[in-house]
Amino acid sequence: MIASWILPVCESLHFIGMAMLIGFAGILDLRLLGVAKRLPVAPLQRLMPWALLGFALNLGTGVVFIVANPGQYVGPPLSLSFVAKMFFILLACLNAFLYYVSGLKRAADGVEAGEEAPSGAKVSAAVSLFLWVAVMYWGRVLQFFGKSF
């Protein structure tokens, strides 16, 4: 039996983690797409460890949610909204991995105030924003479509 205070605390931490992840990654993504062009990209890239911390916080609290109520997520029957959320998380992580290993990050680091980001970095940023919004959507609808019967 999980103590009655653990799940509400985890819900709050999960929300904070998502705000960190989407907030910091979203700022960088929007700058790469041309918003706030007066800012250079390199200082915004230095915020990414905070986004990673938010992701780790969500990973940890997400495991607590699954352990606390496995039927809501892995069934039976298997929750399709949970599968969709995990799929979009996987794609978002793959997109971030490709951004860093393909050299797009190095190219984007050189973008100064007033300059356009390379087109590859813009594509990666747009994909990132779409995927993280999809993760939030499927996470939100879990409570409506994820309950086991």
Protein backbone atom coordinates (compact mmCIF):
# COMPACT_ATOMS: atom_id res chain seq x y z
CA MET A 1 0.00 0.00 0.00
CA ILE A 2 1.37 3.37 -1.02
CA ALA A 3 1.06 6.15 1.56
CA SER A 4 -1.76 8.57 0.79
CA TRP A 5 0.59 11.54 0.36
CA ILE A 6 3.01 9.93 -2.13
CA LEU A 7 0.83 10.10 -5.25
CA PRO A 8 -0.17 13.78 -4.81
CA VAL A 9 3.48 14.71 -4.23
CA CYS A 10 4.48 12.71 -7.33
CA GLU A 11 1.75 14.43 -9.36
CA SER A 12 3.15 17.81 -8.34
CA LEU A 13 6.72 16.76 -9.10
CA HIS A 14 5.60 15.32 -12.45
CA PHE A 15 4.02 18.66 -13.34
CA ILE A 16 7.15 20.55 -12.25
CA GLY A 17 9.33 18.19 -14.28
CA MET A 18 7.19 18.68 -17.38
CA ALA A 19 7.30 22.45 -16.91
CA MET A 20 11.09 22.28 -16.71
CA LEU A 21 11.39 20.01 -19.72
CA ILE A 22 8.96 21.83 -21.97
CA GLY A 23 9.91 25.25 -20.65
CA PHE A 24 13.64 25.01 -21.25
CA ALA A 25 13.52 22.86 -24.39
CA GLY A 26 10.63 24.95 -25.72
CA ILE A 27 12.59 28.19 -25.31
CA LEU A 28 15.45 26.76 -27.35
CA ASP A 29 13.09 25.28 -29.96
CA LEU A 30 11.23 28.57 -30.40
CA ARG A 31 14.50 30.50 -30.76
CA LEU A 32 15.70 28.04 -33.40
CA LEU A 33 12.42 28.61 -35.23
CA GLY A 34 13.05 32.37 -35.29
CA VAL A 35 11.25 33.67 -32.20
CA ALA A 36 13.24 36.19 -30.12
CA LYS A 37 15.97 36.54 -32.71
CA ARG A 38 17.73 39.13 -30.56
CA LEU A 39 19.00 36.26 -28.41
CA PRO A 40 22.03 34.18 -29.37
CA VAL A 41 21.45 30.43 -29.33
CA ALA A 42 24.50 29.25 -27.36
CA PRO A 43 23.35 30.60 -23.94
CA LEU A 44 19.96 28.95 -24.45
CA GLN A 45 21.68 25.62 -25.20
CA ARG A 46 23.24 25.82 -21.73
CA LEU A 47 19.74 25.50 -20.22
CA MET A 48 19.34 21.96 -21.55
CA PRO A 49 20.69 20.25 -18.40
CA TRP A 50 17.65 21.71 -16.63
CA ALA A 51 15.38 20.20 -19.28
CA LEU A 52 17.15 16.87 -18.76
CA LEU A 53 16.60 17.18 -15.01
CA GLY A 54 12.89 17.74 -15.71
CA PHE A 55 12.85 14.63 -17.89
CA ALA A 56 14.54 12.59 -15.13
CA LEU A 57 12.00 13.88 -12.61
CA ASN A 58 9.18 12.81 -14.91
CA LEU A 59 10.77 9.42 -15.48
CA GLY A 60 11.05 8.79 -11.75
CA THR A 61 7.54 9.92 -10.90
CA GLY A 62 6.15 8.09 -13.92
CA VAL A 63 7.58 4.82 -12.59
CA VAL A 64 5.86 5.51 -9.27
CA PHE A 65 2.53 5.97 -11.09
CA ILE A 66 2.92 2.66 -12.94
CA VAL A 67 3.89 0.79 -9.78
CA ALA A 68 0.97 2.33 -7.88
CA ASN A 69 -1.65 1.46 -10.51
CA PRO A 70 -0.30 -0.89 -13.18
CA GLY A 71 -3.76 -1.70 -14.47
CA GLN A 72 -4.26 1.85 -15.67
CA TYR A 73 -1.17 1.70 -17.85
CA VAL A 74 -0.21 -1.84 -18.81
CA GLY A 75 -3.57 -3.49 -18.27
CA PRO A 76 -5.02 -5.80 -19.07
CA PRO A 77 -6.19 -4.38 -21.38
CA LEU A 78 -3.13 -2.39 -22.45
CA SER A 79 -3.85 1.34 -22.40
CA LEU A 80 -3.52 2.70 -25.92
CA SER A 81 -3.06 6.23 -24.60
CA PHE A 82 -0.13 5.02 -22.47
CA VAL A 83 1.39 3.30 -25.51
CA ALA A 84 0.94 6.49 -27.56
CA LYS A 85 2.59 8.57 -24.81
CA MET A 86 5.56 6.19 -24.62
CA PHE A 87 5.84 6.18 -28.43
CA PHE A 88 5.97 9.98 -28.59
CA ILE A 89 8.51 10.09 -25.73
CA LEU A 90 10.68 7.63 -27.64
CA LEU A 91 10.43 9.75 -30.80
CA ALA A 92 11.20 12.96 -28.88
CA CYS A 93 14.27 11.38 -27.31
CA LEU A 94 15.39 10.08 -30.70
CA ASN A 95 14.94 13.57 -32.17
CA ALA A 96 17.05 15.08 -29.36
CA PHE A 97 19.72 12.39 -29.80
CA LEU A 98 19.92 13.09 -33.53
CA TYR A 99 20.13 16.84 -32.87
CA TYR A 100 23.22 16.33 -30.74
CA VAL A 101 25.03 13.60 -32.73
CA SER A 102 24.34 14.97 -36.21
CA GLY A 103 26.21 18.22 -35.59
CA LEU A 104 23.09 20.38 -35.59
CA LYS A 105 23.83 21.49 -32.03
CA ARG A 106 27.33 22.65 -32.98
CA ALA A 107 25.94 24.51 -35.97
CA ALA A 108 23.21 26.10 -33.86
CA ASP A 109 25.73 27.16 -31.21
CA GLY A 110 27.22 29.53 -33.76
CA VAL A 111 23.92 31.33 -34.35
CA GLU A 112 24.32 34.85 -32.99
CA ALA A 113 21.68 37.43 -32.17
CA GLY A 114 19.70 38.38 -35.25
CA GLU A 115 20.78 35.35 -37.29
CA GLU A 116 18.69 32.50 -38.63
CA ALA A 117 19.29 28.96 -37.41
CA PRO A 118 20.26 26.29 -39.94
CA SER A 119 17.27 24.67 -41.62
CA GLY A 120 18.07 21.27 -40.08
CA ALA A 121 17.97 22.78 -36.60
CA LYS A 122 14.63 24.41 -37.43
CA VAL A 123 13.18 21.07 -38.51
CA SER A 124 14.46 19.41 -35.35
CA ALA A 125 12.97 22.22 -33.23
CA ALA A 126 9.57 21.99 -34.90
CA VAL A 127 9.54 18.20 -34.51
CA SER A 128 10.55 18.57 -30.85
CA LEU A 129 7.72 20.97 -30.08
CA PHE A 130 5.18 18.75 -31.83
CA LEU A 131 6.37 15.59 -30.08
CA TRP A 132 6.44 17.08 -26.58
CA VAL A 133 2.96 18.54 -27.04
CA ALA A 134 1.82 15.07 -28.14
CA VAL A 135 3.40 13.58 -24.99
CA MET A 136 1.50 16.08 -22.84
CA TYR A 137 -1.75 15.40 -24.70
CA TRP A 138 -1.55 11.61 -24.34
CA GLY A 139 -0.48 11.96 -20.72
CA ARG A 140 -3.46 14.16 -20.01
CA VAL A 141 -6.00 11.83 -21.63
CA LEU A 142 -4.62 8.81 -19.79
CA GLN A 143 -7.07 9.39 -16.99
CA PHE A 144 -9.97 9.27 -19.45
CA PHE A 145 -8.87 6.46 -21.75
CA GLY A 146 -6.32 4.61 -19.66
CA LYS A 147 -8.36 3.04 -16.90
CA SER A 148 -8.58 -0.71 -16.80
CA PHE A 149 -11.98 -2.29 -16.32
